Amino acid sequence: MTFLRINIITTMNRNQAILVSTDQISRCGGWIIYHALFSNMAANVNFELPLSNTEICIQGLEASGFKLSFYGELPTGNEGNTRGCLSFTFLHNEIDLKRDVRAFG
């Protein structure tokens, strides 16, 4: 299995950016495995998609207005799947989101 790591720094609204990117992954036959939100400053979306659709997914993300940067080489091939991570950094002037966290233990 190959791994694709994509970094995106954007001024797009975080909810819109996540929706646009996850829709693009789904259109390419992929699925979301996990996501994590870090206040309103950053987010990670882990996904898996057919290896043969990797380039189509990248082109779709770029066409959506994202400027992508990559760690490592892009996976190639037509057989199997690739796992990936979209790492978002959101640039804005909003204050940090505060969320209540229940006590545990």
PDB file of N, CA and C in Angstrom:
ATOM      1  N   MET A   1       0.853  -1.176   0.000  1.00  0.00           N
ATOM      2  CA  MET A   1       0.000   0.000   0.000  1.00  0.00           C
ATOM      3  C   MET A   1       0.894   1.231   0.000  1.00  0.00           C
ATOM      4  N   THR A   2       0.507   2.232  -0.781  1.00  0.00           N
ATOM      5  CA  THR A   2       1.254   3.481  -0.856  1.00  0.00           C
ATOM      6  C   THR A   2       0.595   4.530   0.023  1.00  0.00           C
ATOM      7  N   PHE A   3       1.317   5.625   0.276  1.00  0.00           N
ATOM      8  CA  PHE A   3       0.792   6.689   1.121  1.00  0.00           C
ATOM      9  C   PHE A   3       1.014   8.029   0.441  1.00  0.00           C
ATOM     10  N   LEU A   4      -0.002   8.870   0.491  1.00  0.00           N
ATOM     11  CA  LEU A   4       0.014  10.185  -0.118  1.00  0.00           C
ATOM     12  C   LEU A   4      -0.266  11.222   0.959  1.00  0.00           C
ATOM     13  N   ARG A   5       0.662  12.165   1.150  1.00  0.00           N
ATOM     14  CA  ARG A   5       0.447  13.220   2.141  1.00  0.00           C
ATOM     15  C   ARG A   5       0.393  14.554   1.427  1.00  0.00           C
ATOM     16  N   ILE A   6      -0.728  15.253   1.614  1.00  0.00           N
ATOM     17  CA  ILE A   6      -0.965  16.536   0.958  1.00  0.00           C
ATOM     18  C   ILE A   6      -1.169  17.609   2.019  1.00  0.00           C
ATOM     19  N   ASN A   7      -0.421  18.704   1.899  1.00  0.00           N
ATOM     20  CA  ASN A   7      -0.597  19.859   2.772  1.00  0.00           C
ATOM     21  C   ASN A   7      -1.315  20.956   2.004  1.00  0.00           C
ATOM     22  N   ILE A   8      -2.279  21.578   2.675  1.00  0.00           N
ATOM     23  CA  ILE A   8      -3.036  22.666   2.081  1.00  0.00           C
ATOM     24  C   ILE A   8      -3.086  23.817   3.081  1.00  0.00           C
ATOM     25  N   ILE A   9      -2.625  24.975   2.654  1.00  0.00           N
ATOM     26  CA  ILE A   9      -2.773  26.198   3.435  1.00  0.00           C
ATOM     27  C   ILE A   9      -3.762  27.056   2.664  1.00  0.00           C
ATOM     28  N   THR A  10      -4.844  27.447   3.335  1.00  0.00           N
ATOM     29  CA  THR A  10      -5.933  28.109   2.609  1.00  0.00           C
ATOM     30  C   THR A  10      -6.604  29.193   3.443  1.00  0.00           C
ATOM     31  N   THR A  11      -7.169  30.157   2.745  1.00  0.00           N
ATOM     32  CA  THR A  11      -8.017  31.166   3.378  1.00  0.00           C
ATOM     33  C   THR A  11      -9.493  30.810   3.226  1.00  0.00           C
ATOM     34  N   MET A  12      -9.781  29.713   2.541  1.00  0.00           N
ATOM     35  CA  MET A  12     -11.171  29.261   2.376  1.00  0.00           C
ATOM     36  C   MET A  12     -11.758  28.914   3.745  1.00  0.00           C
ATOM     37  N   ASN A  13     -13.032  29.201   3.923  1.00  0.00           N
ATOM     38  CA  ASN A  13     -13.722  28.818   5.154  1.00  0.00           C
ATOM     39  C   ASN A  13     -13.482  27.340   5.436  1.00  0.00           C
ATOM     40  N   ARG A  14     -13.182  27.011   6.678  1.00  0.00           N
ATOM     41  CA  ARG A  14     -12.786  25.629   7.022  1.00  0.00           C
ATOM     42  C   ARG A  14     -13.872  24.608   6.697  1.00  0.00           C
ATOM     43  N   ASN A  15     -15.129  24.942   6.970  1.00  0.00           N
ATOM     44  CA  ASN A  15     -16.212  24.000   6.670  1.00  0.00           C
ATOM     45  C   ASN A  15     -16.334  23.762   5.172  1.00  0.00           C
ATOM     46  N   GLN A  16     -16.217  24.822   4.392  1.00  0.00           N
ATOM     47  CA  GLN A  16     -16.282  24.703   2.942  1.00  0.00           C
ATOM     48  C   GLN A  16     -15.095  23.902   2.418  1.00  0.00           C
ATOM     49  N   ALA A  17     -13.900  24.175   2.932  1.00  0.00           N
ATOM     50  CA  ALA A  17     -12.694  23.476   2.474  1.00  0.00           C
ATOM     51  C   ALA A  17     -12.792  21.975   2.729  1.00  0.00           C
ATOM     52  N   ILE A  18     -13.281  21.609   3.888  1.00  0.00           N
ATOM     53  CA  ILE A  18     -13.410  20.186   4.224  1.00  0.00           C
ATOM     54  C   ILE A  18     -14.475  19.535   3.343  1.00  0.00           C
ATOM     55  N   LEU A  19     -15.594  20.211   3.139  1.00  0.00           N
ATOM     56  CA  LEU A  19     -16.664  19.681   2.288  1.00  0.00           C
ATOM     57  C   LEU A  19     -16.183  19.489   0.849  1.00  0.00           C
ATOM     58  N   VAL A  20     -15.526  20.494   0.295  1.00  0.00           N
ATOM     59  CA  VAL A  20     -15.040  20.418  -1.092  1.00  0.00           C
ATOM     60  C   VAL A  20     -14.047  19.268  -1.246  1.00  0.00           C
ATOM     61  N   SER A  21     -13.120  19.143  -0.317  1.00  0.00           N
ATOM     62  CA  SER A  21     -12.087  18.112  -0.442  1.00  0.00           C
ATOM     63  C   SER A  21     -12.647  16.705  -0.242  1.00  0.00           C
ATOM     64  N   THR A  22     -13.539  16.524   0.714  1.00  0.00           N
ATOM     65  CA  THR A  22     -14.094  15.183   0.932  1.00  0.00           C
ATOM     66  C   THR A  22     -15.027  14.782  -0.206  1.00  0.00           C
ATOM     67  N   ASP A  23     -15.732  15.751  -0.785  1.00  0.00           N
ATOM     68  CA  ASP A  23     -16.549  15.457  -1.970  1.00  0.00           C
ATOM     69  C   ASP A  23     -15.675  15.003  -3.136  1.00  0.00           C
ATOM     70  N   GLN A  24     -14.536  15.652  -3.307  1.00  0.00           N
ATOM     71  CA  GLN A  24     -13.623  15.275  -4.385  1.00  0.00           C
ATOM     72  C   GLN A  24     -13.093  13.854  -4.169  1.00  0.00           C
ATOM     73  N   ILE A  25     -12.746  13.514  -2.961  1.00  0.00           N
ATOM     74  CA  ILE A  25     -12.274  12.153  -2.655  1.00  0.00           C
ATOM     75  C   ILE A  25     -13.366  11.142  -2.980  1.00  0.00           C
ATOM     76  N   SER A  26     -14.595  11.445  -2.587  1.00  0.00           N
ATOM     77  CA  SER A  26     -15.719  10.535  -2.866  1.00  0.00           C
ATOM     78  C   SER A  26     -15.961  10.381  -4.362  1.00  0.00           C
ATOM     79  N   ARG A  27     -15.880  11.483  -5.121  1.00  0.00           N
ATOM     80  CA  ARG A  27     -16.074  11.410  -6.574  1.00  0.00           C
ATOM     81  C   ARG A  27     -15.021  10.544  -7.249  1.00  0.00           C
ATOM     82  N   CYS A  28     -13.872  10.407  -6.618  1.00  0.00           N
ATOM     83  CA  CYS A  28     -12.790   9.584  -7.183  1.00  0.00           C
ATOM     84  C   CYS A  28     -12.839   8.146  -6.667  1.00  0.00           C
ATOM     85  N   GLY A  29     -13.943   7.761  -6.056  1.00  0.00           N
ATOM     86  CA  GLY A  29     -14.096   6.395  -5.578  1.00  0.00           C
ATOM     87  C   GLY A  29     -13.455   6.144  -4.233  1.00  0.00           C
ATOM     88  N   GLY A  30     -13.086   7.214  -3.533  1.00  0.00           N
ATOM     89  CA  GLY A  30     -12.426   7.066  -2.235  1.00  0.00           C
ATOM     90  C   GLY A  30     -13.396   7.179  -1.076  1.00  0.00           C
ATOM     91  N   TRP A  31     -12.876   7.024   0.124  1.00  0.00           N
ATOM     92  CA  TRP A  31     -13.678   7.122   1.330  1.00  0.00           C
ATOM     93  C   TRP A  31     -12.826   7.684   2.453  1.00  0.00           C
ATOM     94  N   ILE A  32     -13.497   8.332   3.383  1.00  0.00           N
ATOM     95  CA  ILE A  32     -12.836   8.953   4.527  1.00  0.00           C
ATOM     96  C   ILE A  32     -12.681   7.902   5.617  1.00  0.00           C
ATOM     97  N   ILE A  33     -11.471   7.801   6.156  1.00  0.00           N
ATOM     98  CA  ILE A  33     -11.182   6.840   7.219  1.00  0.00           C
ATOM     99  C   ILE A  33     -11.288   7.502   8.592  1.00  0.00           C
ATOM    100  N   TYR A  34     -10.794   8.742   8.676  1.00  0.00           N
ATOM    101  CA  TYR A  34     -10.704   9.426   9.975  1.00  0.00           C
ATOM    102  C   TYR A  34     -10.532  10.911   9.714  1.00  0.00           C
ATOM    103  N   HIS A  35     -10.959  11.720  10.663  1.00  0.00           N
ATOM    104  CA  HIS A  35     -10.671  13.145  10.590  1.00  0.00           C
ATOM    105  C   HIS A  35     -10.443  13.685  11.992  1.00  0.00           C
ATOM    106  N   ALA A  36      -9.699  14.768  12.077  1.00  0.00           N
ATOM    107  CA  ALA A  36      -9.451  15.441  13.353  1.00  0.00           C
ATOM    108  C   ALA A  36      -9.467  16.938  13.095  1.00  0.00           C
ATOM    109  N   LEU A  37     -10.165  17.669  13.964  1.00  0.00           N
ATOM    110  CA  LEU A  37     -10.225  19.119  13.878  1.00  0.00           C
ATOM    111  C   LEU A  37      -9.432  19.704  15.033  1.00  0.00           C
ATOM    112  N   PHE A  38      -8.624  20.688  14.764  1.00  0.00           N
ATOM    113  CA  PHE A  38      -7.802  21.343  15.769  1.00  0.00           C
ATOM    114  C   PHE A  38      -8.266  22.790  15.874  1.00  0.00           C
ATOM    115  N   SER A  39      -9.284  22.991  16.745  1.00  0.00           N
ATOM    116  CA  SER A  39      -9.960  24.265  16.878  1.00  0.00           C
ATOM    117  C   SER A  39     -10.401  24.701  15.485  1.00  0.00           C
ATOM    118  N   ASN A  40     -10.226  25.945  15.142  1.00  0.00           N
ATOM    119  CA  ASN A  40     -10.540  26.389  13.789  1.00  0.00           C
ATOM    120  C   ASN A  40      -9.259  26.745  13.030  1.00  0.00           C
ATOM    121  N   MET A  41      -8.147  26.195  13.499  1.00  0.00           N
ATOM    122  CA  MET A  41      -6.847  26.517  12.918  1.00  0.00           C
ATOM    123  C   MET A  41      -6.343  25.464  11.932  1.00  0.00           C
ATOM    124  N   ALA A  42      -6.702  24.203  12.158  1.00  0.00           N
ATOM    125  CA  ALA A  42      -6.159  23.128  11.327  1.00  0.00           C
ATOM    126  C   ALA A  42      -7.100  21.931  11.349  1.00  0.00           C
ATOM    127  N   ALA A  43      -6.897  21.043  10.383  1.00  0.00           N
ATOM    128  CA  ALA A  43      -7.675  19.805  10.305  1.00  0.00           C
ATOM    129  C   ALA A  43      -6.865  18.766   9.539  1.00  0.00           C
ATOM    130  N   ASN A  44      -7.082  17.521   9.870  1.00  0.00           N
ATOM    131  CA  ASN A  44      -6.521  16.392   9.117  1.00  0.00           C
ATOM    132  C   ASN A  44      -7.671  15.517   8.663  1.00  0.00           C
ATOM    133  N   VAL A  45      -7.598  15.070   7.422  1.00  0.00           N
ATOM    134  CA  VAL A  45      -8.578  14.138   6.866  1.00  0.00           C
ATOM    135  C   VAL A  45      -7.800  12.968   6.294  1.00  0.00           C
ATOM    136  N   ASN A  46      -7.980  11.789   6.870  1.00  0.00           N
ATOM    137  CA  ASN A  46      -7.336  10.583   6.359  1.00  0.00           C
ATOM    138  C   ASN A  46      -8.317   9.864   5.445  1.00  0.00           C
ATOM    139  N   PHE A  47      -7.804   9.364   4.342  1.00  0.00           N
ATOM    140  CA  PHE A  47      -8.663   8.769   3.337  1.00  0.00           C
ATOM    141  C   PHE A  47      -7.956   7.607   2.647  1.00  0.00           C
ATOM    142  N   GLU A  48      -8.733   6.878   1.870  1.00  0.00           N
ATOM    143  CA  GLU A  48      -8.209   5.815   1.014  1.00  0.00           C
ATOM    144  C   GLU A  48      -8.947   5.914  -0.312  1.00  0.00           C
ATOM    145  N   LEU A  49      -8.230   5.694  -1.418  1.00  0.00           N
ATOM    146  CA  LEU A  49      -8.864   5.716  -2.725  1.00  0.00           C
ATOM    147  C   LEU A  49      -8.109   4.803  -3.667  1.00  0.00           C
ATOM    148  N   PRO A  50      -8.762   4.394  -4.758  1.00  0.00           N
ATOM    149  CA  PRO A  50      -8.084   3.545  -5.728  1.00  0.00           C
ATOM    150  C   PRO A  50      -6.835   4.248  -6.267  1.00  0.00           C
ATOM    151  N   LEU A  51      -5.752   3.514  -6.308  1.00  0.00           N
ATOM    152  CA  LEU A  51      -4.476   4.063  -6.768  1.00  0.00           C
ATOM    153  C   LEU A  51      -4.593   4.673  -8.155  1.00  0.00           C
ATOM    154  N   SER A  52      -5.401   4.048  -9.009  1.00  0.00           N
ATOM    155  CA  SER A  52      -5.560   4.538 -10.379  1.00  0.00           C
ATOM    156  C   SER A  52      -6.242   5.907 -10.444  1.00  0.00           C
ATOM    157  N   ASN A  53      -6.905   6.349  -9.360  1.00  0.00           N
ATOM    158  CA  ASN A  53      -7.615   7.632  -9.352  1.00  0.00           C
ATOM    159  C   ASN A  53      -6.856   8.725  -8.602  1.00  0.00           C
ATOM    160  N   THR A  54      -5.623   8.447  -8.198  1.00  0.00           N
ATOM    161  CA  THR A  54      -4.852   9.418  -7.425  1.00  0.00           C
ATOM    162  C   THR A  54      -4.653  10.720  -8.191  1.00  0.00           C
ATOM    163  N   GLU A  55      -4.213  10.632  -9.427  1.00  0.00           N
ATOM    164  CA  GLU A  55      -3.946  11.839 -10.220  1.00  0.00           C
ATOM    165  C   GLU A  55      -5.230  12.628 -10.476  1.00  0.00           C
ATOM    166  N   ILE A  56      -6.337  11.935 -10.706  1.00  0.00           N
ATOM    167  CA  ILE A  56      -7.627  12.602 -10.924  1.00  0.00           C
ATOM    168  C   ILE A  56      -8.041  13.361  -9.669  1.00  0.00           C
ATOM    169  N   CYS A  57      -7.830  12.762  -8.516  1.00  0.00           N
ATOM    170  CA  CYS A  57      -8.169  13.410  -7.246  1.00  0.00           C
ATOM    171  C   CYS A  57      -7.323  14.664  -7.043  1.00  0.00           C
ATOM    172  N   ILE A  58      -6.032  14.566  -7.309  1.00  0.00           N
ATOM    173  CA  ILE A  58      -5.139  15.715  -7.159  1.00  0.00           C
ATOM    174  C   ILE A  58      -5.570  16.843  -8.099  1.00  0.00           C
ATOM    175  N   GLN A  59      -5.871  16.515  -9.328  1.00  0.00           N
ATOM    176  CA  GLN A  59      -6.316  17.526 -10.296  1.00  0.00           C
ATOM    177  C   GLN A  59      -7.623  18.178  -9.849  1.00  0.00           C
ATOM    178  N   GLY A  60      -8.532  17.386  -9.294  1.00  0.00           N
ATOM    179  CA  GLY A  60      -9.797  17.927  -8.806  1.00  0.00           C
ATOM    180  C   GLY A  60      -9.609  18.867  -7.628  1.00  0.00           C
ATOM    181  N   LEU A  61      -8.699  18.521  -6.729  1.00  0.00           N
ATOM    182  CA  LEU A  61      -8.412  19.400  -5.588  1.00  0.00           C
ATOM    183  C   LEU A  61      -7.812  20.718  -6.065  1.00  0.00           C
ATOM    184  N   GLU A  62      -6.906  20.639  -7.022  1.00  0.00           N
ATOM    185  CA  GLU A  62      -6.309  21.863  -7.564  1.00  0.00           C
ATOM    186  C   GLU A  62      -7.354  22.707  -8.287  1.00  0.00           C
ATOM    187  N   ALA A  63      -8.254  22.071  -9.023  1.00  0.00           N
ATOM    188  CA  ALA A  63      -9.314  22.783  -9.735  1.00  0.00           C
ATOM    189  C   ALA A  63     -10.300  23.446  -8.762  1.00  0.00           C
ATOM    190  N   SER A  64     -10.360  22.944  -7.544  1.00  0.00           N
ATOM    191  CA  SER A  64     -11.238  23.511  -6.522  1.00  0.00           C
ATOM    192  C   SER A  64     -10.635  24.756  -5.877  1.00  0.00           C
ATOM    193  N   GLY A  65      -9.417  25.106  -6.272  1.00  0.00           N
ATOM    194  CA  GLY A  65      -8.792  26.320  -5.749  1.00  0.00           C
ATOM    195  C   GLY A  65      -7.728  26.093  -4.699  1.00  0.00           C
ATOM    196  N   PHE A  66      -7.426  24.850  -4.401  1.00  0.00           N
ATOM    197  CA  PHE A  66      -6.390  24.570  -3.407  1.00  0.00           C
ATOM    198  C   PHE A  66      -5.006  24.571  -4.053  1.00  0.00           C
ATOM    199  N   LYS A  67      -4.045  25.129  -3.345  1.00  0.00           N
ATOM    200  CA  LYS A  67      -2.653  25.012  -3.753  1.00  0.00           C
ATOM    201  C   LYS A  67      -2.061  23.896  -2.888  1.00  0.00           C
ATOM    202  N   LEU A  68      -1.653  22.816  -3.524  1.00  0.00           N
ATOM    203  CA  LEU A  68      -1.206  21.623  -2.808  1.00  0.00           C
ATOM    204  C   LEU A  68       0.311  21.574  -2.720  1.00  0.00           C
ATOM    205  N   SER A  69       0.799  21.055  -1.608  1.00  0.00           N
ATOM    206  CA  SER A  69       2.209  20.689  -1.509  1.00  0.00           C
ATOM    207  C   SER A  69       2.259  19.264  -0.979  1.00  0.00           C
ATOM    208  N   PHE A  70       3.276  18.539  -1.381  1.00  0.00           N
ATOM    209  CA  PHE A  70       3.348  17.107  -1.099  1.00  0.00           C
ATOM    210  C   PHE A  70       4.615  16.772  -0.316  1.00  0.00           C
ATOM    211  N   TYR A  71       4.519  15.752   0.512  1.00  0.00           N
ATOM    212  CA  TYR A  71       5.686  15.150   1.142  1.00  0.00           C
ATOM    213  C   TYR A  71       5.966  13.848   0.421  1.00  0.00           C
ATOM    214  N   GLY A  72       7.163  13.678  -0.049  1.00  0.00           N
ATOM    215  CA  GLY A  72       7.526  12.444  -0.721  1.00  0.00           C
ATOM    216  C   GLY A  72       7.025  12.424  -2.154  1.00  0.00           C
ATOM    217  N   GLU A  73       7.211  11.284  -2.775  1.00  0.00           N
ATOM    218  CA  GLU A  73       6.806  11.107  -4.166  1.00  0.00           C
ATOM    219  C   GLU A  73       5.329  10.742  -4.250  1.00  0.00           C
ATOM    220  N   LEU A  74       4.727  11.115  -5.362  1.00  0.00           N
ATOM    221  CA  LEU A  74       3.330  10.759  -5.594  1.00  0.00           C
ATOM    222  C   LEU A  74       3.233   9.280  -5.944  1.00  0.00           C
ATOM    223  N   PRO A  75       2.261   8.580  -5.368  1.00  0.00           N
ATOM    224  CA  PRO A  75       2.091   7.171  -5.705  1.00  0.00           C
ATOM    225  C   PRO A  75       1.631   6.998  -7.156  1.00  0.00           C
ATOM    226  N   THR A  76       2.101   5.948  -7.777  1.00  0.00           N
ATOM    227  CA  THR A  76       1.710   5.654  -9.156  1.00  0.00           C
ATOM    228  C   THR A  76       1.270   4.204  -9.255  1.00  0.00           C
ATOM    229  N   GLY A  77       0.596   3.882 -10.332  1.00  0.00           N
ATOM    230  CA  GLY A  77       0.150   2.511 -10.564  1.00  0.00           C
ATOM    231  C   GLY A  77      -1.337   2.461 -10.792  1.00  0.00           C
ATOM    232  N   ASN A  78      -1.797   1.280 -11.121  1.00  0.00           N
ATOM    233  CA  ASN A  78      -3.222   1.086 -11.392  1.00  0.00           C
ATOM    234  C   ASN A  78      -3.863   0.029 -10.509  1.00  0.00           C
ATOM    235  N   GLU A  79      -3.078  -0.696  -9.762  1.00  0.00           N
ATOM    236  CA  GLU A  79      -3.597  -1.786  -8.927  1.00  0.00           C
ATOM    237  C   GLU A  79      -3.591  -1.397  -7.458  1.00  0.00           C
ATOM    238  N   GLY A  80      -4.651  -1.729  -6.764  1.00  0.00           N
ATOM    239  CA  GLY A  80      -4.719  -1.517  -5.327  1.00  0.00           C
ATOM    240  C   GLY A  80      -5.186  -0.122  -4.953  1.00  0.00           C
ATOM    241  N   ASN A  81      -4.989   0.203  -3.690  1.00  0.00           N
ATOM    242  CA  ASN A  81      -5.430   1.482  -3.127  1.00  0.00           C
ATOM    243  C   ASN A  81      -4.236   2.251  -2.595  1.00  0.00           C
ATOM    244  N   THR A  82      -4.466   3.518  -2.373  1.00  0.00           N
ATOM    245  CA  THR A  82      -3.488   4.354  -1.685  1.00  0.00           C
ATOM    246  C   THR A  82      -4.173   4.987  -0.492  1.00  0.00           C
ATOM    247  N   ARG A  83      -3.445   5.117   0.591  1.00  0.00           N
ATOM    248  CA  ARG A  83      -3.934   5.835   1.752  1.00  0.00           C
ATOM    249  C   ARG A  83      -3.323   7.211   1.734  1.00  0.00           C
ATOM    250  N   GLY A  84      -4.060   8.158   2.268  1.00  0.00           N
ATOM    251  CA  GLY A  84      -3.557   9.516   2.239  1.00  0.00           C
ATOM    252  C   GLY A  84      -4.047  10.345   3.397  1.00  0.00           C
ATOM    253  N   CYS A  85      -3.441  11.516   3.528  1.00  0.00           N
ATOM    254  CA  CYS A  85      -3.809  12.471   4.557  1.00  0.00           C
ATOM    255  C   CYS A  85      -3.797  13.865   3.958  1.00  0.00           C
ATOM    256  N   LEU A  86      -4.890  14.569   4.117  1.00  0.00           N
ATOM    257  CA  LEU A  86      -4.953  15.990   3.801  1.00  0.00           C
ATOM    258  C   LEU A  86      -4.730  16.739   5.110  1.00  0.00           C
ATOM    259  N   SER A  87      -3.705  17.572   5.160  1.00  0.00           N
ATOM    260  CA  SER A  87      -3.425  18.390   6.336  1.00  0.00           C
ATOM    261  C   SER A  87      -3.726  19.837   5.993  1.00  0.00           C
ATOM    262  N   PHE A  88      -4.770  20.372   6.595  1.00  0.00           N
ATOM    263  CA  PHE A  88      -5.183  21.745   6.333  1.00  0.00           C
ATOM    264  C   PHE A  88      -4.636  22.692   7.394  1.00  0.00           C
ATOM    265  N   THR A  89      -4.206  23.856   6.972  1.00  0.00           N
ATOM    266  CA  THR A  89      -3.947  24.989   7.853  1.00  0.00           C
ATOM    267  C   THR A  89      -4.825  26.120   7.341  1.00  0.00           C
ATOM    268  N   PHE A  90      -5.655  26.664   8.232  1.00  0.00           N
ATOM    269  CA  PHE A  90      -6.602  27.702   7.847  1.00  0.00           C
ATOM    270  C   PHE A  90      -6.077  29.066   8.280  1.00  0.00           C
ATOM    271  N   LEU A  91      -5.956  29.971   7.325  1.00  0.00           N
ATOM    272  CA  LEU A  91      -5.504  31.327   7.598  1.00  0.00           C
ATOM    273  C   LEU A  91      -6.716  32.244   7.713  1.00  0.00           C
ATOM    274  N   HIS A  92      -6.870  32.891   8.875  1.00  0.00           N
ATOM    275  CA  HIS A  92      -8.002  33.791   9.108  1.00  0.00           C
ATOM    276  C   HIS A  92      -7.715  34.649  10.329  1.00  0.00           C
ATOM    277  N   ASN A  93      -8.609  35.562  10.619  1.00  0.00           N
ATOM    278  CA  ASN A  93      -8.466  36.457  11.774  1.00  0.00           C
ATOM    279  C   ASN A  93      -9.485  36.155  12.865  1.00  0.00           C
ATOM    280  N   GLU A  94     -10.054  34.965  12.842  1.00  0.00           N
ATOM    281  CA  GLU A  94     -11.052  34.584  13.838  1.00  0.00           C
ATOM    282  C   GLU A  94     -10.365  34.161  15.126  1.00  0.00           C
ATOM    283  N   ILE A  95     -11.094  34.282  16.242  1.00  0.00           N
ATOM    284  CA  ILE A  95     -10.555  33.784  17.504  1.00  0.00           C
ATOM    285  C   ILE A  95     -10.684  32.263  17.528  1.00  0.00           C
ATOM    286  N   ASP A  96      -9.879  31.600  18.360  1.00  0.00           N
ATOM    287  CA  ASP A  96      -9.942  30.146  18.479  1.00  0.00           C
ATOM    288  C   ASP A  96     -11.323  29.708  18.950  1.00  0.00           C
ATOM    289  N   LEU A  97     -11.779  28.572  18.417  1.00  0.00           N
ATOM    290  CA  LEU A  97     -13.032  27.991  18.884  1.00  0.00           C
ATOM    291  C   LEU A  97     -12.811  27.351  20.238  1.00  0.00           C
ATOM    292  N   LYS A  98     -13.737  27.530  21.122  1.00  0.00           N
ATOM    293  CA  LYS A  98     -13.673  26.895  22.438  1.00  0.00           C
ATOM    294  C   LYS A  98     -14.736  25.817  22.483  1.00  0.00           C
ATOM    295  N   ARG A  99     -14.340  24.632  22.856  1.00  0.00           N
ATOM    296  CA  ARG A  99     -15.281  23.516  22.955  1.00  0.00           C
ATOM    297  C   ARG A  99     -15.211  22.937  24.352  1.00  0.00           C
ATOM    298  N   ASP A 100     -16.382  22.618  24.900  1.00  0.00           N
ATOM    299  CA  ASP A 100     -16.424  21.973  26.204  1.00  0.00           C
ATOM    300  C   ASP A 100     -15.961  20.537  26.072  1.00  0.00           C
ATOM    301  N   VAL A 101     -15.105  20.121  26.967  1.00  0.00           N
ATOM    302  CA  VAL A 101     -14.620  18.749  26.996  1.00  0.00           C
ATOM    303  C   VAL A 101     -15.061  18.158  28.330  1.00  0.00           C
ATOM    304  N   ARG A 102     -15.813  17.080  28.236  1.00  0.00           N
ATOM    305  CA  ARG A 102     -16.321  16.444  29.460  1.00  0.00           C
ATOM    306  C   ARG A 102     -15.179  15.794  30.231  1.00  0.00           C
ATOM    307  N   ALA A 103     -15.341  15.764  31.543  1.00  0.00           N
ATOM    308  CA  ALA A 103     -14.348  15.122  32.403  1.00  0.00           C
ATOM    309  C   ALA A 103     -14.360  13.630  32.148  1.00  0.00           C
ATOM    310  N   PHE A 104     -13.231  13.019  32.266  1.00  0.00           N
ATOM    311  CA  PHE A 104     -13.128  11.556  32.094  1.00  0.00           C
ATOM    312  C   PHE A 104     -12.203  11.026  33.170  1.00  0.00           C
ATOM    313  N   GLY A 105     -12.305   9.724  33.372  1.00  0.00           N
ATOM    314  CA  GLY A 105     -11.379   9.100  34.310  1.00  0.00           C
ATOM    315  C   GLY A 105     -12.020   8.554  35.521  1.00  0.00           C
TER     316      GLY A 105
END
